[in-house]
C-alpha atoms as a PDB file:
ATOM      1  CA  UNK A   1      22.602   6.466  14.615  1.00  0.00           C
ATOM      2  CA  UNK A   2      23.991   5.286  10.825  1.00  0.00           C
ATOM      3  CA  UNK A   3      26.273   2.744  12.580  1.00  0.00           C
ATOM      4  CA  UNK A   4      23.780   1.569  14.550  1.00  0.00           C
ATOM      5  CA  UNK A   5      21.477   0.890  12.238  1.00  0.00           C
ATOM      6  CA  UNK A   6      23.844  -0.792  10.059  1.00  0.00           C
ATOM      7  CA  UNK A   7      25.318  -3.034  12.688  1.00  0.00           C
ATOM      8  CA  UNK A   8      21.463  -4.215  13.522  1.00  0.00           C
ATOM      9  CA  UNK A   9      21.238  -5.069   9.616  1.00  0.00           C
ATOM     10  CA  UNK A  10      24.687  -6.779   9.867  1.00  0.00           C
ATOM     11  CA  UNK A  11      23.465  -9.024  12.178  1.00  0.00           C
ATOM     12  CA  UNK A  12      20.174  -9.657  11.072  1.00  0.00           C
ATOM     13  CA  UNK A  13      19.957 -13.259   8.849  1.00  0.00           C
ATOM     14  CA  UNK A  14      17.345 -11.605   6.050  1.00  0.00           C
ATOM     15  CA  UNK A  15      15.328 -14.134   4.214  1.00  0.00           C
ATOM     16  CA  UNK A  16      14.627 -13.768   0.488  1.00  0.00           C
ATOM     17  CA  UNK A  17      11.513 -15.022  -1.361  1.00  0.00           C
ATOM     18  CA  UNK A  18      12.054 -17.581  -3.903  1.00  0.00           C
ATOM     19  CA  UNK A  19       9.006 -16.604  -5.791  1.00  0.00           C
ATOM     20  CA  UNK A  20      10.372 -16.515  -9.438  1.00  0.00           C
ATOM     21  CA  UNK A  21       6.174 -15.975 -10.335  1.00  0.00           C
ATOM     22  CA  UNK A  22       6.201 -12.764  -8.476  1.00  0.00           C
ATOM     23  CA  UNK A  23       7.249  -9.701 -10.444  1.00  0.00           C
ATOM     24  CA  UNK A  24      10.031  -7.963  -8.184  1.00  0.00           C
ATOM     25  CA  UNK A  25      10.274  -4.707  -6.523  1.00  0.00           C
ATOM     26  CA  UNK A  26      11.966  -2.662  -3.963  1.00  0.00           C
ATOM     27  CA  UNK A  27      11.078  -0.120  -1.437  1.00  0.00           C
ATOM     28  CA  UNK A  28      13.508   2.647   0.047  1.00  0.00           C
ATOM     29  CA  UNK A  29      13.039   2.775   4.083  1.00  0.00           C
ATOM     30  CA  UNK A  30      14.908   6.293   3.625  1.00  0.00           C
ATOM     31  CA  UNK A  31      16.529   7.698   6.865  1.00  0.00           C
ATOM     32  CA  UNK A  32      16.914  11.316   7.123  1.00  0.00           C
ATOM     33  CA  UNK A  33      18.206  13.904   9.917  1.00  0.00           C
ATOM     34  CA  UNK A  34      17.246  15.242  12.144  1.00  0.00           C
ATOM     35  CA  UNK A  35      15.407  12.753  14.309  1.00  0.00           C
ATOM     36  CA  UNK A  36      16.043  10.284  12.713  1.00  0.00           C
ATOM     37  CA  UNK A  37      13.037   9.738  10.860  1.00  0.00           C
ATOM     38  CA  UNK A  38      12.218   8.114   7.521  1.00  0.00           C
ATOM     39  CA  UNK A  39       9.668   8.777   4.366  1.00  0.00           C
ATOM     40  CA  UNK A  40       6.553   7.589   4.132  1.00  0.00           C
ATOM     41  CA  UNK A  41       4.133   8.844   1.424  1.00  0.00           C
ATOM     42  CA  UNK A  42       0.529   8.373   0.498  1.00  0.00           C
ATOM     43  CA  UNK A  43      -0.016   7.525  -3.286  1.00  0.00           C
ATOM     44  CA  UNK A  44      -1.030   9.474  -5.857  1.00  0.00           C
ATOM     45  CA  UNK A  45      -5.110   9.099  -6.144  1.00  0.00           C
ATOM     46  CA  UNK A  46      -4.489   8.822  -9.856  1.00  0.00           C
ATOM     47  CA  UNK A  47      -2.207   5.851  -9.942  1.00  0.00           C
ATOM     48  CA  UNK A  48      -3.722   2.604 -11.137  1.00  0.00           C
ATOM     49  CA  UNK A  49      -2.800   0.832  -8.655  1.00  0.00           C
ATOM     50  CA  UNK A  50      -2.880   0.894  -4.732  1.00  0.00           C
ATOM     51  CA  UNK A  51      -3.785   4.669  -5.133  1.00  0.00           C
ATOM     52  CA  UNK A  52      -3.953   6.946  -1.939  1.00  0.00           C
ATOM     53  CA  UNK A  53      -2.465   3.998   0.203  1.00  0.00           C
ATOM     54  CA  UNK A  54       0.421   4.894   2.609  1.00  0.00           C
ATOM     55  CA  UNK A  55       3.415   3.531   1.158  1.00  0.00           C
ATOM     56  CA  UNK A  56       7.322   3.591   1.361  1.00  0.00           C
ATOM     57  CA  UNK A  57       8.628   5.117  -1.858  1.00  0.00           C
ATOM     58  CA  UNK A  58       9.594   2.583  -4.277  1.00  0.00           C
ATOM     59  CA  UNK A  59       8.397   0.086  -7.206  1.00  0.00           C
ATOM     60  CA  UNK A  60       9.208  -2.640  -9.878  1.00  0.00           C
ATOM     61  CA  UNK A  61      13.059  -3.256 -10.331  1.00  0.00           C
ATOM     62  CA  UNK A  62      14.133  -2.636 -13.915  1.00  0.00           C
ATOM     63  CA  UNK A  63      15.484  -5.755 -15.678  1.00  0.00           C
ATOM     64  CA  UNK A  64      19.151  -6.387 -14.064  1.00  0.00           C
ATOM     65  CA  UNK A  65      18.717  -4.017 -11.280  1.00  0.00           C
ATOM     66  CA  UNK A  66      19.710  -4.611  -8.024  1.00  0.00           C
ATOM     67  CA  UNK A  67      16.816  -3.676  -5.079  1.00  0.00           C
ATOM     68  CA  UNK A  68      19.586  -1.534  -3.917  1.00  0.00           C
ATOM     69  CA  UNK A  69      19.443   0.309  -7.500  1.00  0.00           C
ATOM     70  CA  UNK A  70      15.697   0.306  -8.043  1.00  0.00           C
ATOM     71  CA  UNK A  71      15.074   1.643  -4.599  1.00  0.00           C
ATOM     72  CA  UNK A  72      17.535   4.865  -5.092  1.00  0.00           C
ATOM     73  CA  UNK A  73      16.160   5.355  -8.594  1.00  0.00           C
ATOM     74  CA  UNK A  74      12.670   5.092  -7.308  1.00  0.00           C
ATOM     75  CA  UNK A  75      13.649   7.713  -4.445  1.00  0.00           C
ATOM     76  CA  UNK A  76      14.734   9.878  -7.079  1.00  0.00           C
ATOM     77  CA  UNK A  77      11.792   9.697  -9.088  1.00  0.00           C
ATOM     78  CA  UNK A  78       9.517  10.005  -6.593  1.00  0.00           C
ATOM     79  CA  UNK A  79      10.953  12.269  -4.258  1.00  0.00           C
ATOM     80  CA  UNK A  80      13.966  14.070  -6.292  1.00  0.00           C
ATOM     81  CA  UNK A  81      16.104  11.908  -3.549  1.00  0.00           C
ATOM     82  CA  UNK A  82      19.684  11.172  -5.381  1.00  0.00           C
ATOM     83  CA  UNK A  83      21.801   9.071  -3.007  1.00  0.00           C
ATOM     84  CA  UNK A  84      24.692   6.599  -4.417  1.00  0.00           C
ATOM     85  CA  UNK A  85      25.366   3.063  -3.321  1.00  0.00           C
ATOM     86  CA  UNK A  86      27.535   4.041  -0.484  1.00  0.00           C
ATOM     87  CA  UNK A  87      23.912   5.126   1.422  1.00  0.00           C
ATOM     88  CA  UNK A  88      22.734   1.412   1.380  1.00  0.00           C
ATOM     89  CA  UNK A  89      22.781   0.142   4.902  1.00  0.00           C
ATOM     90  CA  UNK A  90      20.455  -3.003   4.473  1.00  0.00           C
ATOM     91  CA  UNK A  91      18.022  -4.911   3.366  1.00  0.00           C
ATOM     92  CA  UNK A  92      14.855  -6.822   5.305  1.00  0.00           C
ATOM     93  CA  UNK A  93      13.041  -9.761   4.488  1.00  0.00           C
ATOM     94  CA  UNK A  94      11.331 -10.058   1.390  1.00  0.00           C
ATOM     95  CA  UNK A  95       7.683  -9.649   1.094  1.00  0.00           C
ATOM     96  CA  UNK A  96       5.361 -11.290  -0.838  1.00  0.00           C
ATOM     97  CA  UNK A  97       2.206  -9.504  -1.633  1.00  0.00           C
ATOM     98  CA  UNK A  98      -1.262 -10.422  -2.450  1.00  0.00           C
ATOM     99  CA  UNK A  99      -1.003  -8.137  -6.056  1.00  0.00           C
ATOM    100  CA  UNK A 100       1.562 -10.091  -7.746  1.00  0.00           C
ATOM    101  CA  UNK A 101       4.976  -8.305  -6.314  1.00  0.00           C
ATOM    102  CA  UNK A 102       7.905  -9.736  -3.752  1.00  0.00           C
ATOM    103  CA  UNK A 103       9.204  -6.408  -2.328  1.00  0.00           C
ATOM    104  CA  UNK A 104      12.585  -6.600  -0.869  1.00  0.00           C
ATOM    105  CA  UNK A 105      12.607  -3.364   1.385  1.00  0.00           C
ATOM    106  CA  UNK A 106      16.001  -1.594   1.540  1.00  0.00           C
ATOM    107  CA  UNK A 107      17.402   1.173   4.166  1.00  0.00           C
ATOM    108  CA  UNK A 108      18.914   3.937   3.510  1.00  0.00           C
ATOM    109  CA  UNK A 109      20.955   6.722   4.650  1.00  0.00           C
ATOM    110  CA  UNK A 110      20.002   9.875   3.305  1.00  0.00           C
ATOM    111  CA  UNK A 111      21.309  12.162   6.088  1.00  0.00           C
ATOM    112  CA  UNK A 112      20.425  15.805   6.185  1.00  0.00           C
ATOM    113  CA  UNK A 113      17.027  16.614   5.280  1.00  0.00           C
ATOM    114  CA  UNK A 114      17.349  18.209   2.016  1.00  0.00           C
ATOM    115  CA  UNK A 115      15.290  19.966  -0.394  1.00  0.00           C
ATOM    116  CA  UNK A 116      12.736  17.038  -1.535  1.00  0.00           C
ATOM    117  CA  UNK A 117      10.353  17.621  -4.459  1.00  0.00           C
ATOM    118  CA  UNK A 118       7.908  14.850  -4.320  1.00  0.00           C
ATOM    119  CA  UNK A 119       6.472  13.963  -7.839  1.00  0.00           C
ATOM    120  CA  UNK A 120       2.520  14.579  -8.016  1.00  0.00           C
ATOM    121  CA  UNK A 121       1.630  12.059 -10.364  1.00  0.00           C
ATOM    122  CA  UNK A 122       2.966   9.418  -8.109  1.00  0.00           C
ATOM    123  CA  UNK A 123       2.870  11.120  -4.207  1.00  0.00           C
ATOM    124  CA  UNK A 124       0.437  13.447  -2.953  1.00  0.00           C
ATOM    125  CA  UNK A 125       1.591  13.831   0.408  1.00  0.00           C
ATOM    126  CA  UNK A 126       4.907  13.200   1.703  1.00  0.00           C
ATOM    127  CA  UNK A 127       5.816  12.769   5.637  1.00  0.00           C
ATOM    128  CA  UNK A 128       8.663  12.492   7.765  1.00  0.00           C
ATOM    129  CA  UNK A 129       8.284  10.225  10.264  1.00  0.00           C
ATOM    130  CA  UNK A 130      10.316  10.339  13.306  1.00  0.00           C
ATOM    131  CA  UNK A 131      11.199   6.220  14.058  1.00  0.00           C
ATOM    132  CA  UNK A 132       9.366   6.813  17.531  1.00  0.00           C
ATOM    133  CA  UNK A 133       5.724   6.822  16.059  1.00  0.00           C
ATOM    134  CA  UNK A 134       6.333   3.580  14.771  1.00  0.00           C
ATOM    135  CA  UNK A 135       7.513   2.291  18.310  1.00  0.00           C
ATOM    136  CA  UNK A 136       4.517   0.663  19.218  1.00  0.00           C
ATOM    137  CA  UNK A 137       2.590  -2.532  19.405  1.00  0.00           C
ATOM    138  CA  UNK A 138       0.787  -3.437  15.986  1.00  0.00           C
ATOM    139  CA  UNK A 139      -3.229  -4.352  16.393  1.00  0.00           C
ATOM    140  CA  UNK A 140      -3.338  -7.856  14.372  1.00  0.00           C
ATOM    141  CA  UNK A 141      -7.218  -8.953  13.228  1.00  0.00           C
ATOM    142  CA  UNK A 142      -8.675 -12.168  11.594  1.00  0.00           C
ATOM    143  CA  UNK A 143     -10.219 -12.108   8.253  1.00  0.00           C
ATOM    144  CA  UNK A 144     -12.651 -14.838   6.549  1.00  0.00           C
ATOM    145  CA  UNK A 145     -10.635 -14.677   3.596  1.00  0.00           C
ATOM    146  CA  UNK A 146      -7.207 -15.865   5.231  1.00  0.00           C
ATOM    147  CA  UNK A 147      -5.822 -17.866   7.926  1.00  0.00           C
ATOM    148  CA  UNK A 148      -2.709 -15.379   8.715  1.00  0.00           C
ATOM    149  CA  UNK A 149      -3.346 -12.083  10.629  1.00  0.00           C
ATOM    150  CA  UNK A 150      -3.885  -8.769   9.174  1.00  0.00           C
ATOM    151  CA  UNK A 151      -1.343  -6.472  10.658  1.00  0.00           C
ATOM    152  CA  UNK A 152      -2.331  -2.656  11.004  1.00  0.00           C
ATOM    153  CA  UNK A 153       0.523  -0.259  12.537  1.00  0.00           C
ATOM    154  CA  UNK A 154      -1.203   2.624  13.829  1.00  0.00           C
ATOM    155  CA  UNK A 155       0.284   5.901  12.541  1.00  0.00           C
ATOM    156  CA  UNK A 156      -1.283   9.357  12.569  1.00  0.00           C
ATOM    157  CA  UNK A 157      -4.422   8.472  14.220  1.00  0.00           C
ATOM    158  CA  UNK A 158      -4.949   5.781  11.658  1.00  0.00           C
ATOM    159  CA  UNK A 159      -3.845   2.440  10.303  1.00  0.00           C
ATOM    160  CA  UNK A 160      -0.830   1.615   8.056  1.00  0.00           C
ATOM    161  CA  UNK A 161      -1.472  -1.873   6.959  1.00  0.00           C
ATOM    162  CA  UNK A 162       0.897  -4.257   5.190  1.00  0.00           C
ATOM    163  CA  UNK A 163       3.045  -4.532   3.045  1.00  0.00           C
ATOM    164  CA  UNK A 164       4.130  -1.223   4.374  1.00  0.00           C
ATOM    165  CA  UNK A 165       2.801  -1.773   7.787  1.00  0.00           C
ATOM    166  CA  UNK A 166       4.600  -5.037   8.018  1.00  0.00           C
ATOM    167  CA  UNK A 167       8.202  -3.809   6.144  1.00  0.00           C
ATOM    168  CA  UNK A 168       7.748  -0.892   9.075  1.00  0.00           C
ATOM    169  CA  UNK A 169       7.439  -3.283  11.827  1.00  0.00           C
ATOM    170  CA  UNK A 170       9.766  -5.733  10.901  1.00  0.00           C
ATOM    171  CA  UNK A 171      12.319  -2.640  11.063  1.00  0.00           C
ATOM    172  CA  UNK A 172      11.733  -1.582  14.008  1.00  0.00           C
ATOM    173  CA  UNK A 173      11.702  -4.808  15.684  1.00  0.00           C
ATOM    174  CA  UNK A 174      15.173  -5.447  14.126  1.00  0.00           C
ATOM    175  CA  UNK A 175      16.368  -2.027  13.991  1.00  0.00           C
ATOM    176  CA  UNK A 176      15.214  -0.039  17.157  1.00  0.00           C
ATOM    177  CA  UNK A 177      15.062  -3.741  19.595  1.00  0.00           C
ATOM    178  CA  UNK A 178      17.472  -6.091  17.795  1.00  0.00           C
ATOM    179  CA  UNK A 179      14.641  -8.739  17.802  1.00  0.00           C
ATOM    180  CA  UNK A 180      14.761 -10.826  14.546  1.00  0.00           C
ATOM    181  CA  UNK A 181      11.142 -10.846  14.109  1.00  0.00           C
ATOM    182  CA  UNK A 182       9.659 -12.394  10.640  1.00  0.00           C
ATOM    183  CA  UNK A 183       6.578 -10.910   8.979  1.00  0.00           C
ATOM    184  CA  UNK A 184       6.373 -12.525   5.597  1.00  0.00           C
ATOM    185  CA  UNK A 185       3.316 -14.517   7.240  1.00  0.00           C
ATOM    186  CA  UNK A 186       1.194 -11.336   8.205  1.00  0.00           C
ATOM    187  CA  UNK A 187      -1.555 -10.657   6.023  1.00  0.00           C
ATOM    188  CA  UNK A 188      -2.654  -7.635   3.703  1.00  0.00           C
ATOM    189  CA  UNK A 189      -5.926  -6.291   4.127  1.00  0.00           C
ATOM    190  CA  UNK A 190      -8.666  -7.434   1.046  1.00  0.00           C
ATOM    191  CA  UNK A 191      -8.876  -3.595  -0.316  1.00  0.00           C
ATOM    192  CA  UNK A 192      -4.792  -4.482  -0.715  1.00  0.00           C
ATOM    193  CA  UNK A 193      -5.228  -7.742  -2.489  1.00  0.00           C
ATOM    194  CA  UNK A 194      -5.831  -6.052  -6.153  1.00  0.00           C
END
């Protein structure tokens, strides 16, 4: 599976977002065995931004830090998962958020599901999500505040919204189906704009 994912990402013509007006952030799509599955968190309710929302491990890039370095550092801080640079398989398109960030999704191979230690200051829940659970069609809504469609990815009997829902949808399209689907145009729900 690792080589299949790496090959799909190599074939994908990634689009960076040139937005110097926004802060840089990175998220990790950390693939684990058995499964394969990926790690998804629910943000702690005490966090200032996006409390309680579904999220891939990640956060703001430190000065001079590459997206891969930032994603790996955030994995270590949030879940106690330490990975080397050789775990990086590739990146998906950048996604500009309404809350002032450009997010770079980094796909990482974490291997065997080890002893993860969620940091309670940042993570209230940790889920190991089998890839087949995101191999579904998303729902698209219209809202009066935007001309762009709002993406909703069904998961756990609920919906995961952009940016996480958009990133996971692109991962599904690019890695599981080999389709160069773009998601940067997909809208976030209004509650995520802050």
